[in-house]
Amino acid sequence: MSNYKEYKYKALQNPEVKAEYDALQPEFDIIQAMIDARNQQNLTQKELSERTGITQADISRIENGTRNPSLNMMKRLAKGLNMQLKLEFVSTCNENSEPYNNVKD
């Protein structure tokens, strides 16, 4: 395999790998949105740290996926980016599925 995209494509053919990858998608989306917002404002992690009071190390951990931020921390990050945090629930139902089949306690 010559590159990451080919590797990823092949790996995602495995149903178990695909299920794990899909389960992590919300975390990837949050991380990418945070990185994109910070980069669009030409802010370093250190500058965002100074605006929010969150350590640069914690911002780095969030961005590399090794720290799960609390909702309160995400609000502080949004405020430091002069943005509003928006959380939404999106239906995963389609015509052939029942709404609560996959809900786990």
PDB file of N, CA and C in Angstrom:
ATOM      1  N   MET A   1       0.827  -1.178   0.000  1.00  0.00           N
ATOM      2  CA  MET A   1       0.000   0.000   0.000  1.00  0.00           C
ATOM      3  C   MET A   1       0.876   1.248   0.000  1.00  0.00           C
ATOM      4  N   SER A   2       0.505   2.197  -0.832  1.00  0.00           N
ATOM      5  CA  SER A   2       1.368   3.355  -0.998  1.00  0.00           C
ATOM      6  C   SER A   2       1.025   4.534  -0.104  1.00  0.00           C
ATOM      7  N   ASN A   3      -0.169   4.554   0.460  1.00  0.00           N
ATOM      8  CA  ASN A   3      -0.473   5.702   1.309  1.00  0.00           C
ATOM      9  C   ASN A   3      -1.571   5.392   2.323  1.00  0.00           C
ATOM     10  N   TYR A   4      -1.789   6.352   3.183  1.00  0.00           N
ATOM     11  CA  TYR A   4      -2.757   6.189   4.270  1.00  0.00           C
ATOM     12  C   TYR A   4      -4.173   5.961   3.759  1.00  0.00           C
ATOM     13  N   LYS A   5      -4.592   6.690   2.730  1.00  0.00           N
ATOM     14  CA  LYS A   5      -5.956   6.549   2.226  1.00  0.00           C
ATOM     15  C   LYS A   5      -6.226   5.122   1.751  1.00  0.00           C
ATOM     16  N   GLU A   6      -5.256   4.530   1.086  1.00  0.00           N
ATOM     17  CA  GLU A   6      -5.416   3.151   0.636  1.00  0.00           C
ATOM     18  C   GLU A   6      -5.499   2.203   1.832  1.00  0.00           C
ATOM     19  N   TYR A   7      -4.641   2.436   2.820  1.00  0.00           N
ATOM     20  CA  TYR A   7      -4.656   1.608   4.027  1.00  0.00           C
ATOM     21  C   TYR A   7      -6.003   1.720   4.735  1.00  0.00           C
ATOM     22  N   LYS A   8      -6.472   2.949   4.887  1.00  0.00           N
ATOM     23  CA  LYS A   8      -7.748   3.186   5.563  1.00  0.00           C
ATOM     24  C   LYS A   8      -8.880   2.507   4.808  1.00  0.00           C
ATOM     25  N   TYR A   9      -8.903   2.655   3.495  1.00  0.00           N
ATOM     26  CA  TYR A   9      -9.946   2.039   2.687  1.00  0.00           C
ATOM     27  C   TYR A   9      -9.961   0.534   2.890  1.00  0.00           C
ATOM     28  N   LYS A  10      -8.803  -0.071   2.847  1.00  0.00           N
ATOM     29  CA  LYS A  10      -8.706  -1.530   3.011  1.00  0.00           C
ATOM     30  C   LYS A  10      -9.106  -1.943   4.434  1.00  0.00           C
ATOM     31  N   ALA A  11      -8.643  -1.215   5.426  1.00  0.00           N
ATOM     32  CA  ALA A  11      -8.958  -1.551   6.820  1.00  0.00           C
ATOM     33  C   ALA A  11     -10.450  -1.462   7.081  1.00  0.00           C
ATOM     34  N   LEU A  12     -11.112  -0.477   6.486  1.00  0.00           N
ATOM     35  CA  LEU A  12     -12.541  -0.276   6.725  1.00  0.00           C
ATOM     36  C   LEU A  12     -13.421  -1.304   6.017  1.00  0.00           C
ATOM     37  N   GLN A  13     -12.813  -2.165   5.227  1.00  0.00           N
ATOM     38  CA  GLN A  13     -13.566  -3.264   4.623  1.00  0.00           C
ATOM     39  C   GLN A  13     -13.896  -4.329   5.668  1.00  0.00           C
ATOM     40  N   ASN A  14     -13.123  -4.349   6.753  1.00  0.00           N
ATOM     41  CA  ASN A  14     -13.361  -5.278   7.855  1.00  0.00           C
ATOM     42  C   ASN A  14     -14.524  -4.723   8.683  1.00  0.00           C
ATOM     43  N   PRO A  15     -15.631  -5.477   8.828  1.00  0.00           N
ATOM     44  CA  PRO A  15     -16.799  -4.957   9.557  1.00  0.00           C
ATOM     45  C   PRO A  15     -16.509  -4.564  11.008  1.00  0.00           C
ATOM     46  N   GLU A  16     -15.622  -5.273  11.687  1.00  0.00           N
ATOM     47  CA  GLU A  16     -15.297  -4.929  13.072  1.00  0.00           C
ATOM     48  C   GLU A  16     -14.536  -3.614  13.140  1.00  0.00           C
ATOM     49  N   VAL A  17     -13.596  -3.422  12.247  1.00  0.00           N
ATOM     50  CA  VAL A  17     -12.832  -2.171  12.202  1.00  0.00           C
ATOM     51  C   VAL A  17     -13.767  -1.022  11.849  1.00  0.00           C
ATOM     52  N   LYS A  18     -14.640  -1.246  10.879  1.00  0.00           N
ATOM     53  CA  LYS A  18     -15.590  -0.203  10.455  1.00  0.00           C
ATOM     54  C   LYS A  18     -16.509   0.196  11.603  1.00  0.00           C
ATOM     55  N   ALA A  19     -16.991  -0.768  12.363  1.00  0.00           N
ATOM     56  CA  ALA A  19     -17.882  -0.468  13.493  1.00  0.00           C
ATOM     57  C   ALA A  19     -17.163   0.378  14.539  1.00  0.00           C
ATOM     58  N   GLU A  20     -15.930   0.045  14.849  1.00  0.00           N
ATOM     59  CA  GLU A  20     -15.155   0.833  15.820  1.00  0.00           C
ATOM     60  C   GLU A  20     -14.879   2.235  15.286  1.00  0.00           C
ATOM     61  N   TYR A  21     -14.514   2.317  14.020  1.00  0.00           N
ATOM     62  CA  TYR A  21     -14.242   3.612  13.388  1.00  0.00           C
ATOM     63  C   TYR A  21     -15.495   4.491  13.433  1.00  0.00           C
ATOM     64  N   ASP A  22     -16.638   3.922  13.071  1.00  0.00           N
ATOM     65  CA  ASP A  22     -17.893   4.675  13.084  1.00  0.00           C
ATOM     66  C   ASP A  22     -18.273   5.119  14.493  1.00  0.00           C
ATOM     67  N   ALA A  23     -17.995   4.275  15.482  1.00  0.00           N
ATOM     68  CA  ALA A  23     -18.320   4.615  16.869  1.00  0.00           C
ATOM     69  C   ALA A  23     -17.521   5.817  17.358  1.00  0.00           C
ATOM     70  N   LEU A  24     -16.340   6.025  16.797  1.00  0.00           N
ATOM     71  CA  LEU A  24     -15.481   7.143  17.207  1.00  0.00           C
ATOM     72  C   LEU A  24     -15.728   8.423  16.405  1.00  0.00           C
ATOM     73  N   GLN A  25     -16.596   8.364  15.409  1.00  0.00           N
ATOM     74  CA  GLN A  25     -16.808   9.518  14.537  1.00  0.00           C
ATOM     75  C   GLN A  25     -17.209  10.788  15.275  1.00  0.00           C
ATOM     76  N   PRO A  26     -18.107  10.737  16.280  1.00  0.00           N
ATOM     77  CA  PRO A  26     -18.442  11.988  16.983  1.00  0.00           C
ATOM     78  C   PRO A  26     -17.218  12.644  17.633  1.00  0.00           C
ATOM     79  N   GLU A  27     -16.337  11.844  18.216  1.00  0.00           N
ATOM     80  CA  GLU A  27     -15.126  12.399  18.824  1.00  0.00           C
ATOM     81  C   GLU A  27     -14.236  13.039  17.762  1.00  0.00           C
ATOM     82  N   PHE A  28     -14.081  12.355  16.615  1.00  0.00           N
ATOM     83  CA  PHE A  28     -13.274  12.909  15.526  1.00  0.00           C
ATOM     84  C   PHE A  28     -13.863  14.223  15.029  1.00  0.00           C
ATOM     85  N   ASP A  29     -15.181  14.283  14.937  1.00  0.00           N
ATOM     86  CA  ASP A  29     -15.839  15.502  14.453  1.00  0.00           C
ATOM     87  C   ASP A  29     -15.598  16.681  15.394  1.00  0.00           C
ATOM     88  N   ILE A  30     -15.701  16.435  16.695  1.00  0.00           N
ATOM     89  CA  ILE A  30     -15.474  17.497  17.684  1.00  0.00           C
ATOM     90  C   ILE A  30     -14.030  17.979  17.612  1.00  0.00           C
ATOM     91  N   ILE A  31     -13.104  17.039  17.578  1.00  0.00           N
ATOM     92  CA  ILE A  31     -11.681  17.393  17.513  1.00  0.00           C
ATOM     93  C   ILE A  31     -11.402  18.224  16.270  1.00  0.00           C
ATOM     94  N   GLN A  32     -11.895  17.765  15.116  1.00  0.00           N
ATOM     95  CA  GLN A  32     -11.621  18.473  13.868  1.00  0.00           C
ATOM     96  C   GLN A  32     -12.245  19.863  13.871  1.00  0.00           C
ATOM     97  N   ALA A  33     -13.460  19.997  14.410  1.00  0.00           N
ATOM     98  CA  ALA A  33     -14.112  21.312  14.468  1.00  0.00           C
ATOM     99  C   ALA A  33     -13.306  22.277  15.327  1.00  0.00           C
ATOM    100  N   MET A  34     -12.778  21.784  16.445  1.00  0.00           N
ATOM    101  CA  MET A  34     -11.977  22.628  17.335  1.00  0.00           C
ATOM    102  C   MET A  34     -10.684  23.061  16.650  1.00  0.00           C
ATOM    103  N   ILE A  35     -10.005  22.118  16.028  1.00  0.00           N
ATOM    104  CA  ILE A  35      -8.750  22.436  15.328  1.00  0.00           C
ATOM    105  C   ILE A  35      -9.016  23.425  14.199  1.00  0.00           C
ATOM    106  N   ASP A  36     -10.071  23.181  13.426  1.00  0.00           N
ATOM    107  CA  ASP A  36     -10.394  24.083  12.305  1.00  0.00           C
ATOM    108  C   ASP A  36     -10.684  25.493  12.795  1.00  0.00           C
ATOM    109  N   ALA A  37     -11.464  25.618  13.877  1.00  0.00           N
ATOM    110  CA  ALA A  37     -11.805  26.941  14.415  1.00  0.00           C
ATOM    111  C   ALA A  37     -10.553  27.662  14.903  1.00  0.00           C
ATOM    112  N   ARG A  38      -9.687  26.939  15.587  1.00  0.00           N
ATOM    113  CA  ARG A  38      -8.443  27.551  16.097  1.00  0.00           C
ATOM    114  C   ARG A  38      -7.553  27.980  14.936  1.00  0.00           C
ATOM    115  N   ASN A  39      -7.410  27.125  13.935  1.00  0.00           N
ATOM    116  CA  ASN A  39      -6.550  27.456  12.795  1.00  0.00           C
ATOM    117  C   ASN A  39      -7.117  28.604  11.958  1.00  0.00           C
ATOM    118  N   GLN A  40      -8.437  28.663  11.813  1.00  0.00           N
ATOM    119  CA  GLN A  40      -9.057  29.747  11.049  1.00  0.00           C
ATOM    120  C   GLN A  40      -8.783  31.103  11.686  1.00  0.00           C
ATOM    121  N   GLN A  41      -8.585  31.100  12.999  1.00  0.00           N
ATOM    122  CA  GLN A  41      -8.292  32.343  13.707  1.00  0.00           C
ATOM    123  C   GLN A  41      -6.792  32.548  13.900  1.00  0.00           C
ATOM    124  N   ASN A  42      -6.001  31.680  13.298  1.00  0.00           N
ATOM    125  CA  ASN A  42      -4.535  31.751  13.402  1.00  0.00           C
ATOM    126  C   ASN A  42      -4.069  31.781  14.852  1.00  0.00           C
ATOM    127  N   LEU A  43      -4.711  30.965  15.675  1.00  0.00           N
ATOM    128  CA  LEU A  43      -4.339  30.885  17.088  1.00  0.00           C
ATOM    129  C   LEU A  43      -3.477  29.655  17.330  1.00  0.00           C
ATOM    130  N   THR A  44      -2.492  29.815  18.170  1.00  0.00           N
ATOM    131  CA  THR A  44      -1.724  28.662  18.625  1.00  0.00           C
ATOM    132  C   THR A  44      -2.470  28.042  19.802  1.00  0.00           C
ATOM    133  N   GLN A  45      -2.065  26.839  20.159  1.00  0.00           N
ATOM    134  CA  GLN A  45      -2.638  26.223  21.350  1.00  0.00           C
ATOM    135  C   GLN A  45      -2.337  27.078  22.572  1.00  0.00           C
ATOM    136  N   LYS A  46      -1.151  27.643  22.627  1.00  0.00           N
ATOM    137  CA  LYS A  46      -0.772  28.488  23.761  1.00  0.00           C
ATOM    138  C   LYS A  46      -1.660  29.710  23.856  1.00  0.00           C
ATOM    139  N   GLU A  47      -1.939  30.350  22.734  1.00  0.00           N
ATOM    140  CA  GLU A  47      -2.812  31.527  22.738  1.00  0.00           C
ATOM    141  C   GLU A  47      -4.231  31.156  23.183  1.00  0.00           C
ATOM    142  N   LEU A  48      -4.732  30.018  22.704  1.00  0.00           N
ATOM    143  CA  LEU A  48      -6.058  29.571  23.136  1.00  0.00           C
ATOM    144  C   LEU A  48      -6.042  29.250  24.626  1.00  0.00           C
ATOM    145  N   SER A  49      -4.946  28.693  25.090  1.00  0.00           N
ATOM    146  CA  SER A  49      -4.784  28.414  26.519  1.00  0.00           C
ATOM    147  C   SER A  49      -4.886  29.689  27.340  1.00  0.00           C
ATOM    148  N   GLU A  50      -4.227  30.742  26.885  1.00  0.00           N
ATOM    149  CA  GLU A  50      -4.247  32.024  27.599  1.00  0.00           C
ATOM    150  C   GLU A  50      -5.651  32.620  27.620  1.00  0.00           C
ATOM    151  N   ARG A  51      -6.410  32.414  26.555  1.00  0.00           N
ATOM    152  CA  ARG A  51      -7.770  32.946  26.490  1.00  0.00           C
ATOM    153  C   ARG A  51      -8.740  32.183  27.385  1.00  0.00           C
ATOM    154  N   THR A  52      -8.480  30.895  27.584  1.00  0.00           N
ATOM    155  CA  THR A  52      -9.454  30.037  28.259  1.00  0.00           C
ATOM    156  C   THR A  52      -9.077  29.630  29.673  1.00  0.00           C
ATOM    157  N   GLY A  53      -7.791  29.708  29.998  1.00  0.00           N
ATOM    158  CA  GLY A  53      -7.341  29.196  31.286  1.00  0.00           C
ATOM    159  C   GLY A  53      -7.171  27.692  31.296  1.00  0.00           C
ATOM    160  N   ILE A  54      -7.336  27.070  30.163  1.00  0.00           N
ATOM    161  CA  ILE A  54      -7.105  25.628  30.005  1.00  0.00           C
ATOM    162  C   ILE A  54      -5.650  25.467  29.587  1.00  0.00           C
ATOM    163  N   THR A  55      -4.936  24.556  30.208  1.00  0.00           N
ATOM    164  CA  THR A  55      -3.516  24.431  29.897  1.00  0.00           C
ATOM    165  C   THR A  55      -3.301  24.052  28.438  1.00  0.00           C
ATOM    166  N   GLN A  56      -2.178  24.497  27.902  1.00  0.00           N
ATOM    167  CA  GLN A  56      -1.819  24.138  26.526  1.00  0.00           C
ATOM    168  C   GLN A  56      -1.709  22.626  26.401  1.00  0.00           C
ATOM    169  N   ALA A  57      -1.213  21.964  27.442  1.00  0.00           N
ATOM    170  CA  ALA A  57      -1.094  20.504  27.408  1.00  0.00           C
ATOM    171  C   ALA A  57      -2.469  19.848  27.272  1.00  0.00           C
ATOM    172  N   ASP A  58      -3.469  20.368  27.996  1.00  0.00           N
ATOM    173  CA  ASP A  58      -4.812  19.808  27.876  1.00  0.00           C
ATOM    174  C   ASP A  58      -5.406  20.070  26.495  1.00  0.00           C
ATOM    175  N   ILE A  59      -5.167  21.237  25.945  1.00  0.00           N
ATOM    176  CA  ILE A  59      -5.652  21.529  24.591  1.00  0.00           C
ATOM    177  C   ILE A  59      -5.005  20.565  23.603  1.00  0.00           C
ATOM    178  N   SER A  60      -3.724  20.329  23.748  1.00  0.00           N
ATOM    179  CA  SER A  60      -3.028  19.370  22.891  1.00  0.00           C
ATOM    180  C   SER A  60      -3.619  17.970  23.029  1.00  0.00           C
ATOM    181  N   ARG A  61      -3.886  17.561  24.257  1.00  0.00           N
ATOM    182  CA  ARG A  61      -4.458  16.227  24.493  1.00  0.00           C
ATOM    183  C   ARG A  61      -5.847  16.101  23.858  1.00  0.00           C
ATOM    184  N   ILE A  62      -6.638  17.151  23.955  1.00  0.00           N
ATOM    185  CA  ILE A  62      -7.961  17.125  23.319  1.00  0.00           C
ATOM    186  C   ILE A  62      -7.792  16.973  21.814  1.00  0.00           C
ATOM    187  N   GLU A  63      -6.903  17.780  21.243  1.00  0.00           N
ATOM    188  CA  GLU A  63      -6.717  17.769  19.797  1.00  0.00           C
ATOM    189  C   GLU A  63      -6.114  16.467  19.282  1.00  0.00           C
ATOM    190  N   ASN A  64      -5.337  15.774  20.097  1.00  0.00           N
ATOM    191  CA  ASN A  64      -4.781  14.502  19.604  1.00  0.00           C
ATOM    192  C   ASN A  64      -5.603  13.307  20.054  1.00  0.00           C
ATOM    193  N   GLY A  65      -6.731  13.567  20.722  1.00  0.00           N
ATOM    194  CA  GLY A  65      -7.678  12.511  21.044  1.00  0.00           C
ATOM    195  C   GLY A  65      -7.376  11.711  22.289  1.00  0.00           C
ATOM    196  N   THR A  66      -6.467  12.188  23.125  1.00  0.00           N
ATOM    197  CA  THR A  66      -6.145  11.440  24.342  1.00  0.00           C
ATOM    198  C   THR A  66      -6.827  12.005  25.585  1.00  0.00           C
ATOM    199  N   ARG A  67      -7.628  13.038  25.409  1.00  0.00           N
ATOM    200  CA  ARG A  67      -8.382  13.600  26.533  1.00  0.00           C
ATOM    201  C   ARG A  67      -9.785  13.889  26.069  1.00  0.00           C
ATOM    202  N   ASN A  68     -10.759  13.438  26.840  1.00  0.00           N
ATOM    203  CA  ASN A  68     -12.158  13.721  26.545  1.00  0.00           C
ATOM    204  C   ASN A  68     -12.591  14.928  27.376  1.00  0.00           C
ATOM    205  N   PRO A  69     -12.850  16.044  26.734  1.00  0.00           N
ATOM    206  CA  PRO A  69     -13.221  17.244  27.477  1.00  0.00           C
ATOM    207  C   PRO A  69     -14.644  17.166  28.001  1.00  0.00           C
ATOM    208  N   SER A  70     -14.868  17.803  29.123  1.00  0.00           N
ATOM    209  CA  SER A  70     -16.223  17.913  29.664  1.00  0.00           C
ATOM    210  C   SER A  70     -16.999  18.942  28.836  1.00  0.00           C
ATOM    211  N   LEU A  71     -18.299  18.957  29.025  1.00  0.00           N
ATOM    212  CA  LEU A  71     -19.127  19.952  28.352  1.00  0.00           C
ATOM    213  C   LEU A  71     -18.715  21.356  28.789  1.00  0.00           C
ATOM    214  N   ASN A  72     -18.426  21.523  30.072  1.00  0.00           N
ATOM    215  CA  ASN A  72     -17.985  22.819  30.579  1.00  0.00           C
ATOM    216  C   ASN A  72     -16.683  23.260  29.898  1.00  0.00           C
ATOM    217  N   MET A  73     -15.759  22.326  29.726  1.00  0.00           N
ATOM    218  CA  MET A  73     -14.497  22.666  29.069  1.00  0.00           C
ATOM    219  C   MET A  73     -14.739  23.057  27.611  1.00  0.00           C
ATOM    220  N   MET A  74     -15.646  22.364  26.936  1.00  0.00           N
ATOM    221  CA  MET A  74     -15.953  22.708  25.547  1.00  0.00           C
ATOM    222  C   MET A  74     -16.579  24.097  25.460  1.00  0.00           C
ATOM    223  N   LYS A  75     -17.408  24.460  26.441  1.00  0.00           N
ATOM    224  CA  LYS A  75     -17.985  25.813  26.462  1.00  0.00           C
ATOM    225  C   LYS A  75     -16.887  26.858  26.626  1.00  0.00           C
ATOM    226  N   ARG A  76     -15.924  26.591  27.500  1.00  0.00           N
ATOM    227  CA  ARG A  76     -14.804  27.527  27.699  1.00  0.00           C
ATOM    228  C   ARG A  76     -13.986  27.670  26.419  1.00  0.00           C
ATOM    229  N   LEU A  77     -13.766  26.556  25.734  1.00  0.00           N
ATOM    230  CA  LEU A  77     -13.022  26.608  24.474  1.00  0.00           C
ATOM    231  C   LEU A  77     -13.792  27.411  23.434  1.00  0.00           C
ATOM    232  N   ALA A  78     -15.089  27.179  23.337  1.00  0.00           N
ATOM    233  CA  ALA A  78     -15.902  27.934  22.385  1.00  0.00           C
ATOM    234  C   ALA A  78     -15.837  29.426  22.687  1.00  0.00           C
ATOM    235  N   LYS A  79     -15.966  29.776  23.961  1.00  0.00           N
ATOM    236  CA  LYS A  79     -15.889  31.190  24.353  1.00  0.00           C
ATOM    237  C   LYS A  79     -14.526  31.774  23.993  1.00  0.00           C
ATOM    238  N   GLY A  80     -13.459  31.025  24.236  1.00  0.00           N
ATOM    239  CA  GLY A  80     -12.111  31.481  23.895  1.00  0.00           C
ATOM    240  C   GLY A  80     -11.906  31.653  22.403  1.00  0.00           C
ATOM    241  N   LEU A  81     -12.710  30.939  21.611  1.00  0.00           N
ATOM    242  CA  LEU A  81     -12.649  31.054  20.151  1.00  0.00           C
ATOM    243  C   LEU A  81     -13.673  32.067  19.625  1.00  0.00           C
ATOM    244  N   ASN A  82     -14.344  32.779  20.564  1.00  0.00           N
ATOM    245  CA  ASN A  82     -15.406  33.734  20.198  1.00  0.00           C
ATOM    246  C   ASN A  82     -16.484  33.052  19.368  1.00  0.00           C
ATOM    247  N   MET A  83     -16.841  31.852  19.827  1.00  0.00           N
ATOM    248  CA  MET A  83     -17.845  31.061  19.124  1.00  0.00           C
ATOM    249  C   MET A  83     -18.858  30.551  20.133  1.00  0.00           C
ATOM    250  N   GLN A  84     -19.946  30.025  19.603  1.00  0.00           N
ATOM    251  CA  GLN A  84     -20.980  29.410  20.428  1.00  0.00           C
ATOM    252  C   GLN A  84     -20.895  27.904  20.207  1.00  0.00           C
ATOM    253  N   LEU A  85     -20.958  27.151  21.295  1.00  0.00           N
ATOM    254  CA  LEU A  85     -20.963  25.697  21.208  1.00  0.00           C
ATOM    255  C   LEU A  85     -22.363  25.243  20.843  1.00  0.00           C
ATOM    256  N   LYS A  86     -22.473  24.386  19.846  1.00  0.00           N
ATOM    257  CA  LYS A  86     -23.767  23.857  19.423  1.00  0.00           C
ATOM    258  C   LYS A  86     -23.686  22.343  19.465  1.00  0.00           C
ATOM    259  N   LEU A  87     -24.580  21.748  20.208  1.00  0.00           N
ATOM    260  CA  LEU A  87     -24.665  20.296  20.327  1.00  0.00           C
ATOM    261  C   LEU A  87     -26.014  19.890  19.781  1.00  0.00           C
ATOM    262  N   GLU A  88     -26.038  18.884  18.912  1.00  0.00           N
ATOM    263  CA  GLU A  88     -27.317  18.449  18.389  1.00  0.00           C
ATOM    264  C   GLU A  88     -27.369  16.936  18.282  1.00  0.00           C
ATOM    265  N   PHE A  89     -28.570  16.419  18.407  1.00  0.00           N
ATOM    266  CA  PHE A  89     -28.820  15.007  18.217  1.00  0.00           C
ATOM    267  C   PHE A  89     -29.407  14.843  16.825  1.00  0.00           C
ATOM    268  N   VAL A  90     -28.842  13.934  16.048  1.00  0.00           N
ATOM    269  CA  VAL A  90     -29.270  13.718  14.679  1.00  0.00           C
ATOM    270  C   VAL A  90     -29.813  12.301  14.565  1.00  0.00           C
ATOM    271  N   SER A  91     -30.962  12.158  13.969  1.00  0.00           N
ATOM    272  CA  SER A  91     -31.588  10.846  13.838  1.00  0.00           C
ATOM    273  C   SER A  91     -30.713   9.894  13.042  1.00  0.00           C
ATOM    274  N   THR A  92     -30.640   8.673  13.504  1.00  0.00           N
ATOM    275  CA  THR A  92     -29.924   7.631  12.771  1.00  0.00           C
ATOM    276  C   THR A  92     -30.911   6.651  12.159  1.00  0.00           C
ATOM    277  N   CYS A  93     -32.196   6.946  12.286  1.00  0.00           N
ATOM    278  CA  CYS A  93     -33.234   6.061  11.756  1.00  0.00           C
ATOM    279  C   CYS A  93     -33.397   6.271  10.260  1.00  0.00           C
ATOM    280  N   ASN A  94     -33.702   5.185   9.603  1.00  0.00           N
ATOM    281  CA  ASN A  94     -34.087   5.285   8.204  1.00  0.00           C
ATOM    282  C   ASN A  94     -35.409   4.563   8.039  1.00  0.00           C
ATOM    283  N   GLU A  95     -35.900   4.438   6.837  1.00  0.00           N
ATOM    284  CA  GLU A  95     -37.217   3.849   6.606  1.00  0.00           C
ATOM    285  C   GLU A  95     -37.314   2.414   7.112  1.00  0.00           C
ATOM    286  N   ASN A  96     -36.217   1.669   7.130  1.00  0.00           N
ATOM    287  CA  ASN A  96     -36.251   0.252   7.467  1.00  0.00           C
ATOM    288  C   ASN A  96     -35.847  -0.058   8.898  1.00  0.00           C
ATOM    289  N   SER A  97     -35.598   0.944   9.718  1.00  0.00           N
ATOM    290  CA  SER A  97     -35.148   0.661  11.080  1.00  0.00           C
ATOM    291  C   SER A  97     -36.150   1.195  12.094  1.00  0.00           C
ATOM    292  N   GLU A  98     -36.116   0.573  13.243  1.00  0.00           N
ATOM    293  CA  GLU A  98     -36.955   1.035  14.340  1.00  0.00           C
ATOM    294  C   GLU A  98     -36.124   1.961  15.204  1.00  0.00           C
ATOM    295  N   PRO A  99     -36.731   2.996  15.805  1.00  0.00           N
ATOM    296  CA  PRO A  99     -35.971   4.052  16.465  1.00  0.00           C
ATOM    297  C   PRO A  99     -35.086   3.646  17.630  1.00  0.00           C
ATOM    298  N   TYR A 100     -35.426   2.652  18.408  1.00  0.00           N
ATOM    299  CA  TYR A 100     -34.664   2.403  19.627  1.00  0.00           C
ATOM    300  C   TYR A 100     -33.956   1.062  19.631  1.00  0.00           C
ATOM    301  N   ASN A 101     -33.677   0.509  18.468  1.00  0.00           N
ATOM    302  CA  ASN A 101     -33.050  -0.811  18.388  1.00  0.00           C
ATOM    303  C   ASN A 101     -31.683  -0.872  19.039  1.00  0.00           C
ATOM    304  N   ASN A 102     -30.898   0.169  18.933  1.00  0.00           N
ATOM    305  CA  ASN A 102     -29.494   0.109  19.368  1.00  0.00           C
ATOM    306  C   ASN A 102     -29.205   0.874  20.647  1.00  0.00           C
ATOM    307  N   VAL A 103     -30.233   1.281  21.363  1.00  0.00           N
ATOM    308  CA  VAL A 103     -30.026   2.046  22.590  1.00  0.00           C
ATOM    309  C   VAL A 103     -29.568   1.115  23.695  1.00  0.00           C
ATOM    310  N   LYS A 104     -28.461   1.490  24.350  1.00  0.00           N
ATOM    311  CA  LYS A 104     -27.932   0.702  25.465  1.00  0.00           C
ATOM    312  C   LYS A 104     -27.888   1.576  26.698  1.00  0.00           C
ATOM    313  N   ASP A 105     -28.141   0.982  27.858  1.00  0.00           N
ATOM    314  CA  ASP A 105     -28.077   1.730  29.108  1.00  0.00           C
ATOM    315  C   ASP A 105     -26.652   1.957  29.533  1.00  0.00           C
TER     316      ASP A 105
END
